[in-house]
Amino acid sequence: MEVTVKYFGQIAEITQKKEETFSYSDGLISEFIEEVYEKYPGLRSVNFKIAQSQQLISTEGKITGEELALLPPFAGG
């Protein structure tokens, strides 16, 4: 399965990308995050949320959608 990963805010600044594609076969979100940390070590110090198919999810789930987004902390207002 091809998964498109979108990066926003400071996460896009660290990765120097707005999006990229990963290949997965029913992987866990936590495994995906470890792969992202290996590729972009600077992300380890960033607190971010993960959305799958435009729904916020926890790192305990599986990759089931075709799109993931890494979202930086939001400022309220």
N, C-alpha and C. Protein backbone atom coordinates (compact mmCIF):
# COMPACT_ATOMS: atom_id res chain seq x y z
N MET A 1 0.84 -1.17 0.00
CA MET A 1 0.00 0.00 0.00
C MET A 1 0.89 1.23 0.00
N GLU A 2 0.53 2.18 -0.83
CA GLU A 2 1.23 3.46 -0.87
C GLU A 2 0.51 4.42 0.08
N VAL A 3 1.26 5.07 0.95
CA VAL A 3 0.70 6.02 1.90
C VAL A 3 1.34 7.38 1.65
N THR A 4 0.52 8.38 1.39
CA THR A 4 1.00 9.74 1.23
C THR A 4 1.05 10.39 2.60
N VAL A 5 2.20 10.94 2.94
CA VAL A 5 2.37 11.59 4.24
C VAL A 5 2.55 13.08 3.99
N LYS A 6 1.71 13.88 4.65
CA LYS A 6 1.77 15.33 4.51
C LYS A 6 2.36 15.93 5.78
N TYR A 7 3.21 16.93 5.59
CA TYR A 7 3.88 17.61 6.70
C TYR A 7 3.43 19.06 6.74
N PHE A 8 3.23 19.59 7.95
CA PHE A 8 2.77 20.96 8.10
C PHE A 8 3.65 21.72 9.09
N GLY A 9 3.67 23.04 8.95
CA GLY A 9 4.36 23.92 9.90
C GLY A 9 5.82 23.57 10.09
N GLN A 10 6.25 23.53 11.37
CA GLN A 10 7.66 23.27 11.66
C GLN A 10 8.08 21.86 11.24
N ILE A 11 7.14 20.95 11.12
CA ILE A 11 7.48 19.61 10.65
C ILE A 11 7.92 19.67 9.19
N ALA A 12 7.23 20.44 8.37
CA ALA A 12 7.63 20.63 6.97
C ALA A 12 8.98 21.32 6.89
N GLU A 13 9.25 22.24 7.83
CA GLU A 13 10.55 22.91 7.84
C GLU A 13 11.67 21.92 8.14
N ILE A 14 11.44 21.00 9.07
CA ILE A 14 12.47 20.02 9.44
C ILE A 14 12.69 19.02 8.31
N THR A 15 11.61 18.53 7.71
CA THR A 15 11.75 17.53 6.65
C THR A 15 12.13 18.14 5.31
N GLN A 16 11.93 19.46 5.17
CA GLN A 16 12.15 20.16 3.91
C GLN A 16 11.24 19.63 2.81
N LYS A 17 10.07 19.10 3.22
CA LYS A 17 9.09 18.58 2.27
C LYS A 17 7.69 18.91 2.78
N LYS A 18 6.77 19.03 1.86
CA LYS A 18 5.36 19.19 2.23
C LYS A 18 4.65 17.85 2.23
N GLU A 19 5.16 16.91 1.43
CA GLU A 19 4.60 15.56 1.43
C GLU A 19 5.57 14.59 0.76
N GLU A 20 5.38 13.31 1.07
CA GLU A 20 6.13 12.25 0.42
C GLU A 20 5.34 10.96 0.52
N THR A 21 5.77 9.94 -0.19
CA THR A 21 5.05 8.67 -0.23
C THR A 21 5.90 7.58 0.41
N PHE A 22 5.26 6.76 1.24
CA PHE A 22 5.88 5.60 1.86
C PHE A 22 5.14 4.35 1.40
N SER A 23 5.83 3.23 1.34
CA SER A 23 5.19 1.94 1.02
C SER A 23 5.00 1.16 2.31
N TYR A 24 3.77 0.66 2.53
CA TYR A 24 3.46 -0.08 3.75
C TYR A 24 2.51 -1.21 3.45
N SER A 25 2.60 -2.25 4.27
CA SER A 25 1.63 -3.33 4.20
C SER A 25 1.10 -3.57 5.62
N ASP A 26 0.00 -2.96 5.93
CA ASP A 26 -0.66 -3.09 7.23
C ASP A 26 0.28 -2.87 8.41
N GLY A 27 1.05 -1.82 8.36
CA GLY A 27 1.96 -1.50 9.46
C GLY A 27 1.24 -0.77 10.57
N LEU A 28 1.91 -0.69 11.70
CA LEU A 28 1.39 0.05 12.84
C LEU A 28 1.84 1.50 12.74
N ILE A 29 1.04 2.40 13.26
CA ILE A 29 1.39 3.82 13.27
C ILE A 29 2.70 4.00 14.04
N SER A 30 2.88 3.30 15.14
CA SER A 30 4.10 3.43 15.94
C SER A 30 5.34 3.03 15.14
N GLU A 31 5.23 2.01 14.29
CA GLU A 31 6.36 1.60 13.44
C GLU A 31 6.66 2.68 12.40
N PHE A 32 5.60 3.26 11.86
CA PHE A 32 5.77 4.34 10.89
C PHE A 32 6.50 5.51 11.54
N ILE A 33 6.09 5.89 12.75
CA ILE A 33 6.71 7.01 13.45
C ILE A 33 8.20 6.73 13.68
N GLU A 34 8.55 5.52 14.04
CA GLU A 34 9.97 5.19 14.23
C GLU A 34 10.75 5.35 12.92
N GLU A 35 10.13 4.96 11.82
CA GLU A 35 10.79 5.12 10.51
C GLU A 35 10.98 6.60 10.18
N VAL A 36 9.97 7.41 10.49
CA VAL A 36 10.08 8.85 10.25
C VAL A 36 11.18 9.44 11.13
N TYR A 37 11.26 9.02 12.41
CA TYR A 37 12.31 9.52 13.30
C TYR A 37 13.70 9.15 12.80
N GLU A 38 13.84 7.94 12.23
CA GLU A 38 15.14 7.54 11.68
C GLU A 38 15.51 8.41 10.49
N LYS A 39 14.53 8.72 9.65
CA LYS A 39 14.78 9.52 8.46
C LYS A 39 14.99 10.99 8.81
N TYR A 40 14.24 11.49 9.82
CA TYR A 40 14.30 12.89 10.22
C TYR A 40 14.50 12.97 11.75
N PRO A 41 15.72 12.78 12.23
CA PRO A 41 15.97 12.78 13.68
C PRO A 41 15.52 14.06 14.39
N GLY A 42 15.48 15.17 13.69
CA GLY A 42 15.06 16.43 14.29
C GLY A 42 13.61 16.41 14.76
N LEU A 43 12.82 15.49 14.25
CA LEU A 43 11.41 15.40 14.65
C LEU A 43 11.24 14.83 16.06
N ARG A 44 12.26 14.16 16.58
CA ARG A 44 12.14 13.59 17.93
C ARG A 44 11.85 14.64 18.99
N SER A 45 12.27 15.87 18.74
CA SER A 45 12.07 16.93 19.73
C SER A 45 10.78 17.72 19.49
N VAL A 46 10.00 17.31 18.49
CA VAL A 46 8.77 18.03 18.15
C VAL A 46 7.56 17.22 18.62
N ASN A 47 6.65 17.89 19.32
CA ASN A 47 5.41 17.26 19.74
C ASN A 47 4.41 17.45 18.61
N PHE A 48 3.89 16.36 18.05
CA PHE A 48 2.95 16.49 16.95
C PHE A 48 1.83 15.47 17.06
N LYS A 49 0.73 15.75 16.37
CA LYS A 49 -0.42 14.84 16.28
C LYS A 49 -0.38 14.18 14.92
N ILE A 50 -1.06 13.05 14.82
CA ILE A 50 -1.13 12.32 13.55
C ILE A 50 -2.59 12.20 13.14
N ALA A 51 -2.85 12.49 11.88
CA ALA A 51 -4.19 12.31 11.33
C ALA A 51 -4.10 11.27 10.22
N GLN A 52 -5.11 10.42 10.19
CA GLN A 52 -5.21 9.42 9.13
C GLN A 52 -6.54 9.64 8.43
N SER A 53 -6.48 9.87 7.14
CA SER A 53 -7.69 10.17 6.37
C SER A 53 -8.51 11.27 7.04
N GLN A 54 -7.83 12.31 7.49
CA GLN A 54 -8.39 13.53 8.08
C GLN A 54 -9.04 13.32 9.45
N GLN A 55 -8.65 12.26 10.18
CA GLN A 55 -9.13 12.01 11.53
C GLN A 55 -7.91 11.87 12.45
N LEU A 56 -7.90 12.59 13.58
CA LEU A 56 -6.80 12.44 14.52
C LEU A 56 -6.81 11.02 15.10
N ILE A 57 -5.62 10.42 15.21
CA ILE A 57 -5.51 9.06 15.71
C ILE A 57 -4.38 8.96 16.72
N SER A 58 -4.32 7.83 17.43
CA SER A 58 -3.22 7.59 18.36
C SER A 58 -2.16 6.74 17.66
N THR A 59 -1.02 6.62 18.29
CA THR A 59 0.06 5.83 17.71
C THR A 59 -0.16 4.33 17.92
N GLU A 60 -1.23 3.95 18.60
CA GLU A 60 -1.50 2.55 18.88
C GLU A 60 -2.18 1.82 17.72
N GLY A 61 -2.72 2.57 16.76
CA GLY A 61 -3.50 1.96 15.68
C GLY A 61 -2.66 1.47 14.51
N LYS A 62 -3.38 1.00 13.50
CA LYS A 62 -2.76 0.51 12.27
C LYS A 62 -2.95 1.54 11.16
N ILE A 63 -2.08 1.47 10.18
CA ILE A 63 -2.22 2.30 9.00
C ILE A 63 -3.30 1.64 8.14
N THR A 64 -4.40 2.36 7.97
CA THR A 64 -5.51 1.81 7.19
C THR A 64 -5.88 2.72 6.03
N GLY A 65 -5.42 3.95 6.06
CA GLY A 65 -5.77 4.90 5.01
C GLY A 65 -4.64 5.11 4.04
N GLU A 66 -4.92 5.91 3.04
CA GLU A 66 -3.93 6.22 2.02
C GLU A 66 -3.25 7.54 2.29
N GLU A 67 -3.66 8.22 3.38
CA GLU A 67 -3.07 9.51 3.69
C GLU A 67 -2.87 9.67 5.19
N LEU A 68 -1.66 10.08 5.55
CA LEU A 68 -1.34 10.44 6.93
C LEU A 68 -0.86 11.88 6.92
N ALA A 69 -1.11 12.58 8.02
CA ALA A 69 -0.61 13.95 8.15
C ALA A 69 0.02 14.10 9.52
N LEU A 70 1.18 14.74 9.56
CA LEU A 70 1.85 15.07 10.82
C LEU A 70 1.59 16.53 11.09
N LEU A 71 0.89 16.78 12.18
CA LEU A 71 0.42 18.12 12.50
C LEU A 71 1.14 18.69 13.72
N PRO A 72 1.72 19.88 13.60
CA PRO A 72 2.39 20.50 14.73
C PRO A 72 1.38 20.98 15.76
N PRO A 73 1.83 21.38 16.95
CA PRO A 73 0.90 21.90 17.95
C PRO A 73 0.14 23.10 17.40
N PHE A 74 -1.11 23.19 17.80
CA PHE A 74 -1.96 24.28 17.34
C PHE A 74 -2.01 25.38 18.41
N ALA A 75 -2.10 26.60 17.97
CA ALA A 75 -2.28 27.73 18.88
C ALA A 75 -3.77 28.08 18.87
N GLY A 76 -4.34 28.22 20.04
CA GLY A 76 -5.77 28.54 20.12
C GLY A 76 -6.00 30.04 19.96
N GLY A 77 -7.22 30.39 19.72
CA GLY A 77 -7.48 31.81 19.61
C GLY A 77 -8.85 32.12 19.14
